[in-house]
Amino acid sequence: MANFSRILFVDEANTDLSVMAAALFSQLSGERPVEIDSRGLVVLFPEPVNAKAEAVLKTRGLKALSSQSRELVPGDLNQTTLILTMTESEKRTVLDQFPDANFVYTIREFAGEQGNMDVPYGPASRYEECCKHLSELCWSIAEILFA
């Protein structure tokens, strides 16, 4: 497995899933020399992190790495950037828009699962379910990368 200097969690708007994944994974990376962050594919203007996503992170003693959404841009990538999207569609968009991206996977694919992450629209319990699944995926990814 390649040594990654940067891990970016990417979703459509960078207001919930990617934000939760980055916060969860950041906790697992410890003092390792890897930058962890999140980005969105369609960010027309900075939006605040979804309040339900923030609340779920807070119950776990975590907070979002950024308070506003940020769009994925070419300057975010280098030869050792790992991009983990939430869906296959987002993965295809990244590959289409950033042909120089070397390591692009869905989060579930990288962790050895199939399928897309569900978008947690609705009650706070949906965000908690998604956060729980993201936490499990992040543990699997940490075992792969840091073993």
N, C-alpha and C. Protein backbone atom coordinates (compact mmCIF):
# COMPACT_ATOMS: atom_id res chain seq x y z
N MET A 1 0.85 -1.18 0.00
CA MET A 1 0.00 0.00 0.00
C MET A 1 0.89 1.24 0.00
N ALA A 2 0.52 2.19 -0.82
CA ALA A 2 1.28 3.44 -0.92
C ALA A 2 1.24 4.21 0.40
N ASN A 3 2.27 4.99 0.63
CA ASN A 3 2.26 5.91 1.76
C ASN A 3 1.60 7.19 1.31
N PHE A 4 0.53 7.56 1.97
CA PHE A 4 -0.22 8.74 1.58
C PHE A 4 0.12 9.91 2.48
N SER A 5 0.36 11.07 1.86
CA SER A 5 0.63 12.29 2.63
C SER A 5 -0.66 13.02 2.98
N ARG A 6 -1.71 12.71 2.21
CA ARG A 6 -2.98 13.39 2.41
C ARG A 6 -4.12 12.45 2.11
N ILE A 7 -5.14 12.49 2.96
CA ILE A 7 -6.36 11.70 2.73
C ILE A 7 -7.52 12.68 2.73
N LEU A 8 -8.25 12.69 1.61
CA LEU A 8 -9.41 13.57 1.47
C LEU A 8 -10.67 12.74 1.36
N PHE A 9 -11.63 13.04 2.21
CA PHE A 9 -12.95 12.43 2.14
C PHE A 9 -13.82 13.38 1.35
N VAL A 10 -14.46 12.87 0.31
CA VAL A 10 -15.18 13.72 -0.63
C VAL A 10 -16.62 13.25 -0.79
N ASP A 11 -17.54 14.23 -0.75
CA ASP A 11 -18.93 13.96 -1.09
C ASP A 11 -19.46 15.12 -1.92
N GLU A 12 -20.74 15.14 -2.16
CA GLU A 12 -21.33 16.13 -3.06
C GLU A 12 -21.13 17.56 -2.55
N ALA A 13 -21.59 17.84 -1.33
CA ALA A 13 -21.63 19.23 -0.86
C ALA A 13 -20.66 19.54 0.28
N ASN A 14 -20.03 18.52 0.86
CA ASN A 14 -19.09 18.70 1.97
C ASN A 14 -19.75 19.34 3.19
N THR A 15 -20.94 18.83 3.52
CA THR A 15 -21.62 19.34 4.71
C THR A 15 -21.99 18.25 5.72
N ASP A 16 -21.86 16.97 5.33
CA ASP A 16 -22.23 15.93 6.30
C ASP A 16 -21.32 14.70 6.24
N LEU A 17 -21.51 13.78 5.29
CA LEU A 17 -20.77 12.52 5.30
C LEU A 17 -19.25 12.70 5.27
N SER A 18 -18.77 13.50 4.33
CA SER A 18 -17.32 13.67 4.23
C SER A 18 -16.76 14.35 5.47
N VAL A 19 -17.53 15.26 6.04
CA VAL A 19 -17.12 15.95 7.26
C VAL A 19 -17.03 14.97 8.42
N MET A 20 -18.04 14.12 8.57
CA MET A 20 -18.02 13.13 9.65
C MET A 20 -16.87 12.14 9.46
N ALA A 21 -16.67 11.67 8.23
CA ALA A 21 -15.60 10.70 7.96
C ALA A 21 -14.23 11.30 8.29
N ALA A 22 -14.00 12.54 7.89
CA ALA A 22 -12.70 13.17 8.16
C ALA A 22 -12.46 13.31 9.66
N ALA A 23 -13.48 13.72 10.40
CA ALA A 23 -13.33 13.87 11.85
C ALA A 23 -13.05 12.52 12.51
N LEU A 24 -13.79 11.50 12.10
CA LEU A 24 -13.60 10.16 12.67
C LEU A 24 -12.20 9.63 12.35
N PHE A 25 -11.78 9.77 11.09
CA PHE A 25 -10.48 9.23 10.70
C PHE A 25 -9.33 10.03 11.33
N SER A 26 -9.52 11.31 11.48
CA SER A 26 -8.49 12.14 12.09
C SER A 26 -8.17 11.65 13.50
N GLN A 27 -9.19 11.23 14.22
CA GLN A 27 -9.00 10.70 15.56
C GLN A 27 -8.15 9.43 15.54
N LEU A 28 -8.30 8.62 14.49
CA LEU A 28 -7.57 7.35 14.39
C LEU A 28 -6.14 7.50 13.90
N SER A 29 -5.85 8.59 13.23
CA SER A 29 -4.52 8.74 12.62
C SER A 29 -3.45 9.11 13.64
N GLY A 30 -3.87 9.60 14.79
CA GLY A 30 -2.91 9.92 15.85
C GLY A 30 -1.88 10.93 15.39
N GLU A 31 -0.63 10.63 15.67
CA GLU A 31 0.47 11.54 15.35
C GLU A 31 1.13 11.21 14.00
N ARG A 32 0.51 10.36 13.22
CA ARG A 32 1.09 10.01 11.93
C ARG A 32 1.16 11.23 11.02
N PRO A 33 2.20 11.28 10.19
CA PRO A 33 2.38 12.46 9.32
C PRO A 33 1.50 12.41 8.07
N VAL A 34 0.20 12.46 8.27
CA VAL A 34 -0.75 12.46 7.16
C VAL A 34 -1.78 13.56 7.41
N GLU A 35 -2.05 14.35 6.38
CA GLU A 35 -3.06 15.39 6.49
C GLU A 35 -4.42 14.80 6.13
N ILE A 36 -5.40 15.06 6.95
CA ILE A 36 -6.75 14.53 6.73
C ILE A 36 -7.70 15.72 6.60
N ASP A 37 -8.56 15.65 5.59
CA ASP A 37 -9.51 16.74 5.39
C ASP A 37 -10.69 16.24 4.57
N SER A 38 -11.62 17.13 4.30
CA SER A 38 -12.79 16.77 3.49
C SER A 38 -13.05 17.87 2.48
N ARG A 39 -13.70 17.48 1.39
CA ARG A 39 -14.03 18.42 0.32
C ARG A 39 -15.35 18.01 -0.31
N GLY A 40 -15.93 18.93 -1.10
CA GLY A 40 -17.15 18.67 -1.83
C GLY A 40 -16.94 18.85 -3.31
N LEU A 41 -17.82 18.26 -4.08
CA LEU A 41 -17.72 18.37 -5.54
C LEU A 41 -18.52 19.55 -6.08
N VAL A 42 -19.58 19.93 -5.39
CA VAL A 42 -20.42 21.04 -5.83
C VAL A 42 -20.60 21.99 -4.65
N VAL A 43 -19.69 22.93 -4.54
CA VAL A 43 -19.75 23.92 -3.47
C VAL A 43 -19.76 25.29 -4.14
N LEU A 44 -20.94 25.83 -4.34
CA LEU A 44 -21.08 27.12 -5.03
C LEU A 44 -20.70 28.28 -4.12
N PHE A 45 -20.91 28.09 -2.82
CA PHE A 45 -20.52 29.06 -1.80
C PHE A 45 -20.35 28.29 -0.51
N PRO A 46 -19.50 28.76 0.39
CA PRO A 46 -19.29 28.03 1.65
C PRO A 46 -20.58 27.92 2.45
N GLU A 47 -20.92 26.69 2.83
CA GLU A 47 -22.08 26.43 3.68
C GLU A 47 -21.60 25.88 5.01
N PRO A 48 -22.36 26.10 6.07
CA PRO A 48 -21.97 25.52 7.36
C PRO A 48 -22.17 24.01 7.35
N VAL A 49 -21.45 23.35 8.22
CA VAL A 49 -21.61 21.91 8.40
C VAL A 49 -23.04 21.64 8.88
N ASN A 50 -23.64 20.59 8.38
CA ASN A 50 -24.99 20.21 8.78
C ASN A 50 -25.06 20.09 10.31
N ALA A 51 -26.05 20.72 10.91
CA ALA A 51 -26.18 20.74 12.37
C ALA A 51 -26.34 19.34 12.96
N LYS A 52 -27.03 18.46 12.25
CA LYS A 52 -27.21 17.09 12.75
C LYS A 52 -25.89 16.32 12.71
N ALA A 53 -25.09 16.55 11.67
CA ALA A 53 -23.78 15.92 11.59
C ALA A 53 -22.88 16.42 12.72
N GLU A 54 -22.92 17.72 12.97
CA GLU A 54 -22.14 18.29 14.06
C GLU A 54 -22.56 17.71 15.40
N ALA A 55 -23.85 17.57 15.61
CA ALA A 55 -24.36 17.03 16.88
C ALA A 55 -23.91 15.59 17.09
N VAL A 56 -23.94 14.80 16.03
CA VAL A 56 -23.51 13.40 16.14
C VAL A 56 -22.03 13.34 16.47
N LEU A 57 -21.23 14.16 15.83
CA LEU A 57 -19.79 14.19 16.14
C LEU A 57 -19.57 14.61 17.60
N LYS A 58 -20.33 15.59 18.04
CA LYS A 58 -20.18 16.09 19.41
C LYS A 58 -20.45 14.99 20.43
N THR A 59 -21.45 14.13 20.17
CA THR A 59 -21.73 13.04 21.11
C THR A 59 -20.57 12.05 21.19
N ARG A 60 -19.72 12.06 20.19
CA ARG A 60 -18.54 11.19 20.17
C ARG A 60 -17.28 11.94 20.63
N GLY A 61 -17.44 13.15 21.09
CA GLY A 61 -16.31 13.95 21.55
C GLY A 61 -15.47 14.50 20.42
N LEU A 62 -16.07 14.64 19.24
CA LEU A 62 -15.35 15.12 18.07
C LEU A 62 -15.99 16.38 17.54
N LYS A 63 -15.26 17.08 16.68
CA LYS A 63 -15.85 18.20 15.97
C LYS A 63 -15.32 18.21 14.54
N ALA A 64 -16.05 18.87 13.68
CA ALA A 64 -15.66 18.96 12.27
C ALA A 64 -14.30 19.65 12.15
N LEU A 65 -13.50 19.22 11.17
CA LEU A 65 -12.19 19.82 10.98
C LEU A 65 -12.29 21.23 10.40
N SER A 66 -13.41 21.52 9.77
CA SER A 66 -13.67 22.86 9.23
C SER A 66 -15.14 23.19 9.49
N SER A 67 -15.44 24.45 9.65
CA SER A 67 -16.82 24.85 9.93
C SER A 67 -17.62 25.15 8.67
N GLN A 68 -16.94 25.17 7.51
CA GLN A 68 -17.63 25.48 6.26
C GLN A 68 -17.21 24.51 5.16
N SER A 69 -18.13 24.31 4.22
CA SER A 69 -17.85 23.44 3.09
C SER A 69 -16.77 24.05 2.19
N ARG A 70 -16.00 23.16 1.58
CA ARG A 70 -14.94 23.59 0.66
C ARG A 70 -14.95 22.68 -0.56
N GLU A 71 -14.75 23.26 -1.72
CA GLU A 71 -14.77 22.50 -2.97
C GLU A 71 -13.42 21.87 -3.25
N LEU A 72 -13.45 20.68 -3.83
CA LEU A 72 -12.23 20.01 -4.27
C LEU A 72 -11.68 20.76 -5.47
N VAL A 73 -10.41 21.15 -5.40
CA VAL A 73 -9.75 21.87 -6.49
C VAL A 73 -8.42 21.19 -6.78
N PRO A 74 -7.86 21.42 -7.98
CA PRO A 74 -6.60 20.76 -8.34
C PRO A 74 -5.49 20.95 -7.31
N GLY A 75 -5.42 22.10 -6.66
CA GLY A 75 -4.38 22.35 -5.66
C GLY A 75 -4.48 21.45 -4.44
N ASP A 76 -5.61 20.76 -4.27
CA ASP A 76 -5.78 19.85 -3.13
C ASP A 76 -5.05 18.53 -3.35
N LEU A 77 -4.64 18.26 -4.58
CA LEU A 77 -4.09 16.95 -4.92
C LEU A 77 -2.59 17.00 -5.13
N ASN A 78 -1.95 15.92 -4.73
CA ASN A 78 -0.56 15.70 -5.09
C ASN A 78 -0.41 14.22 -5.44
N GLN A 79 0.79 13.78 -5.71
CA GLN A 79 1.01 12.40 -6.14
C GLN A 79 0.68 11.36 -5.08
N THR A 80 0.59 11.79 -3.83
CA THR A 80 0.33 10.83 -2.74
C THR A 80 -0.95 11.19 -1.97
N THR A 81 -1.95 11.69 -2.69
CA THR A 81 -3.25 11.99 -2.09
C THR A 81 -4.19 10.82 -2.32
N LEU A 82 -4.79 10.35 -1.25
CA LEU A 82 -5.82 9.32 -1.32
C LEU A 82 -7.17 10.03 -1.22
N ILE A 83 -8.02 9.80 -2.22
CA ILE A 83 -9.36 10.38 -2.22
C ILE A 83 -10.37 9.27 -1.99
N LEU A 84 -11.19 9.45 -0.97
CA LEU A 84 -12.24 8.48 -0.64
C LEU A 84 -13.59 9.17 -0.77
N THR A 85 -14.35 8.77 -1.78
CA THR A 85 -15.67 9.34 -2.01
C THR A 85 -16.73 8.51 -1.29
N MET A 86 -17.92 9.07 -1.19
CA MET A 86 -19.00 8.36 -0.51
C MET A 86 -19.81 7.49 -1.47
N THR A 87 -19.76 7.80 -2.77
CA THR A 87 -20.53 7.04 -3.75
C THR A 87 -19.70 6.77 -5.00
N GLU A 88 -20.14 5.80 -5.76
CA GLU A 88 -19.50 5.48 -7.03
C GLU A 88 -19.62 6.65 -8.01
N SER A 89 -20.76 7.31 -8.00
CA SER A 89 -20.97 8.47 -8.87
C SER A 89 -19.96 9.58 -8.55
N GLU A 90 -19.74 9.84 -7.28
CA GLU A 90 -18.76 10.85 -6.88
C GLU A 90 -17.35 10.43 -7.29
N LYS A 91 -17.06 9.16 -7.20
CA LYS A 91 -15.75 8.65 -7.64
C LYS A 91 -15.56 8.93 -9.13
N ARG A 92 -16.58 8.62 -9.93
CA ARG A 92 -16.48 8.87 -11.38
C ARG A 92 -16.30 10.36 -11.67
N THR A 93 -17.00 11.20 -10.93
CA THR A 93 -16.86 12.65 -11.12
C THR A 93 -15.44 13.10 -10.82
N VAL A 94 -14.86 12.61 -9.73
CA VAL A 94 -13.48 12.96 -9.39
C VAL A 94 -12.54 12.51 -10.51
N LEU A 95 -12.70 11.28 -10.97
CA LEU A 95 -11.82 10.77 -12.03
C LEU A 95 -11.98 11.56 -13.32
N ASP A 96 -13.20 11.99 -13.63
CA ASP A 96 -13.43 12.79 -14.83
C ASP A 96 -12.84 14.20 -14.71
N GLN A 97 -13.03 14.82 -13.55
CA GLN A 97 -12.60 16.21 -13.37
C GLN A 97 -11.12 16.34 -13.00
N PHE A 98 -10.55 15.27 -12.46
CA PHE A 98 -9.16 15.32 -12.00
C PHE A 98 -8.40 14.10 -12.53
N PRO A 99 -8.10 14.09 -13.83
CA PRO A 99 -7.47 12.91 -14.43
C PRO A 99 -6.09 12.57 -13.85
N ASP A 100 -5.47 13.52 -13.18
CA ASP A 100 -4.16 13.25 -12.57
C ASP A 100 -4.27 12.63 -11.18
N ALA A 101 -5.48 12.48 -10.67
CA ALA A 101 -5.66 11.86 -9.35
C ALA A 101 -5.26 10.39 -9.45
N ASN A 102 -4.33 9.99 -8.61
CA ASN A 102 -3.77 8.64 -8.68
C ASN A 102 -4.54 7.60 -7.87
N PHE A 103 -5.08 8.00 -6.74
CA PHE A 103 -5.69 7.04 -5.82
C PHE A 103 -7.10 7.52 -5.45
N VAL A 104 -8.10 7.00 -6.16
CA VAL A 104 -9.48 7.41 -5.94
C VAL A 104 -10.32 6.15 -5.76
N TYR A 105 -10.99 6.05 -4.63
CA TYR A 105 -11.83 4.90 -4.29
C TYR A 105 -13.08 5.41 -3.59
N THR A 106 -14.12 4.60 -3.58
CA THR A 106 -15.20 4.90 -2.65
C THR A 106 -14.72 4.44 -1.28
N ILE A 107 -15.26 5.03 -0.25
CA ILE A 107 -14.84 4.67 1.11
C ILE A 107 -15.13 3.20 1.39
N ARG A 108 -16.28 2.73 0.91
CA ARG A 108 -16.63 1.32 1.14
C ARG A 108 -15.73 0.40 0.32
N GLU A 109 -15.42 0.77 -0.90
CA GLU A 109 -14.53 -0.03 -1.75
C GLU A 109 -13.17 -0.20 -1.10
N PHE A 110 -12.59 0.90 -0.61
CA PHE A 110 -11.27 0.85 0.00
C PHE A 110 -11.27 -0.04 1.24
N ALA A 111 -12.38 -0.04 1.96
CA ALA A 111 -12.51 -0.84 3.19
C ALA A 111 -12.91 -2.28 2.90
N GLY A 112 -13.10 -2.63 1.62
CA GLY A 112 -13.43 -4.01 1.27
C GLY A 112 -14.92 -4.31 1.20
N GLU A 113 -15.75 -3.28 1.13
CA GLU A 113 -17.20 -3.46 1.02
C GLU A 113 -17.66 -3.02 -0.36
N GLN A 114 -18.90 -3.32 -0.66
CA GLN A 114 -19.51 -2.87 -1.90
C GLN A 114 -20.63 -1.89 -1.59
N GLY A 115 -20.99 -1.09 -2.58
CA GLY A 115 -22.12 -0.19 -2.44
C GLY A 115 -21.72 1.22 -2.06
N ASN A 116 -22.73 2.06 -2.00
CA ASN A 116 -22.56 3.48 -1.68
C ASN A 116 -22.98 3.76 -0.24
N MET A 117 -22.44 4.83 0.30
CA MET A 117 -22.93 5.33 1.59
C MET A 117 -24.29 5.97 1.35
N ASP A 118 -25.21 5.75 2.25
CA ASP A 118 -26.51 6.39 2.16
C ASP A 118 -26.39 7.83 2.65
N VAL A 119 -27.09 8.72 1.98
CA VAL A 119 -27.13 10.11 2.42
C VAL A 119 -28.10 10.18 3.61
N PRO A 120 -27.67 10.79 4.71
CA PRO A 120 -28.48 10.73 5.94
C PRO A 120 -29.56 11.79 6.07
N TYR A 121 -30.37 11.97 5.04
CA TYR A 121 -31.46 12.94 5.16
C TYR A 121 -32.48 12.44 6.18
N GLY A 122 -33.09 13.38 6.89
CA GLY A 122 -34.14 13.00 7.82
C GLY A 122 -33.75 13.23 9.26
N PRO A 123 -34.25 12.36 10.14
CA PRO A 123 -34.05 12.56 11.58
C PRO A 123 -32.59 12.33 11.99
N ALA A 124 -32.28 12.83 13.17
CA ALA A 124 -30.93 12.71 13.71
C ALA A 124 -30.48 11.25 13.80
N SER A 125 -31.41 10.34 14.00
CA SER A 125 -31.05 8.92 14.09
C SER A 125 -30.40 8.42 12.80
N ARG A 126 -30.79 8.97 11.64
CA ARG A 126 -30.16 8.59 10.36
C ARG A 126 -28.70 9.02 10.34
N TYR A 127 -28.42 10.20 10.89
CA TYR A 127 -27.05 10.68 10.95
C TYR A 127 -26.21 9.81 11.88
N GLU A 128 -26.82 9.39 12.98
CA GLU A 128 -26.12 8.50 13.91
C GLU A 128 -25.81 7.16 13.25
N GLU A 129 -26.76 6.60 12.50
CA GLU A 129 -26.53 5.34 11.78
C GLU A 129 -25.39 5.49 10.78
N CYS A 130 -25.41 6.57 10.02
CA CYS A 130 -24.35 6.81 9.04
C CYS A 130 -22.99 7.00 9.72
N CYS A 131 -22.99 7.73 10.83
CA CYS A 131 -21.74 7.96 11.55
C CYS A 131 -21.19 6.65 12.10
N LYS A 132 -22.07 5.79 12.59
CA LYS A 132 -21.64 4.48 13.09
C LYS A 132 -21.00 3.67 11.97
N HIS A 133 -21.63 3.66 10.79
CA HIS A 133 -21.07 2.93 9.66
C HIS A 133 -19.74 3.56 9.21
N LEU A 134 -19.69 4.89 9.15
CA LEU A 134 -18.45 5.56 8.79
C LEU A 134 -17.33 5.23 9.79
N SER A 135 -17.68 5.16 11.05
CA SER A 135 -16.68 4.82 12.07
C SER A 135 -16.10 3.43 11.84
N GLU A 136 -16.96 2.48 11.52
CA GLU A 136 -16.50 1.12 11.22
C GLU A 136 -15.61 1.11 9.99
N LEU A 137 -16.00 1.86 8.96
CA LEU A 137 -15.19 1.93 7.74
C LEU A 137 -13.84 2.58 8.03
N CYS A 138 -13.85 3.63 8.83
CA CYS A 138 -12.59 4.30 9.17
C CYS A 138 -11.64 3.38 9.94
N TRP A 139 -12.18 2.58 10.83
CA TRP A 139 -11.35 1.60 11.53
C TRP A 139 -10.71 0.63 10.55
N SER A 140 -11.50 0.14 9.60
CA SER A 140 -10.97 -0.79 8.59
C SER A 140 -9.88 -0.12 7.76
N ILE A 141 -10.11 1.11 7.37
CA ILE A 141 -9.13 1.83 6.56
C ILE A 141 -7.86 2.08 7.36
N ALA A 142 -7.99 2.44 8.62
CA ALA A 142 -6.81 2.64 9.47
C ALA A 142 -6.00 1.36 9.60
N GLU A 143 -6.68 0.23 9.71
CA GLU A 143 -5.97 -1.04 9.78
C GLU A 143 -5.21 -1.32 8.50
N ILE A 144 -5.79 -0.97 7.36
CA ILE A 144 -5.13 -1.17 6.08
C ILE A 144 -3.93 -0.24 5.95
N LEU A 145 -4.12 1.03 6.27
CA LEU A 145 -3.07 2.02 6.04
C LEU A 145 -1.98 2.02 7.10
N PHE A 146 -2.34 1.72 8.34
CA PHE A 146 -1.39 1.90 9.43
C PHE A 146 -0.86 0.59 10.01
N ALA A 147 -1.20 -0.52 9.40
CA ALA A 147 -0.76 -1.82 9.93
C ALA A 147 0.71 -2.06 9.70
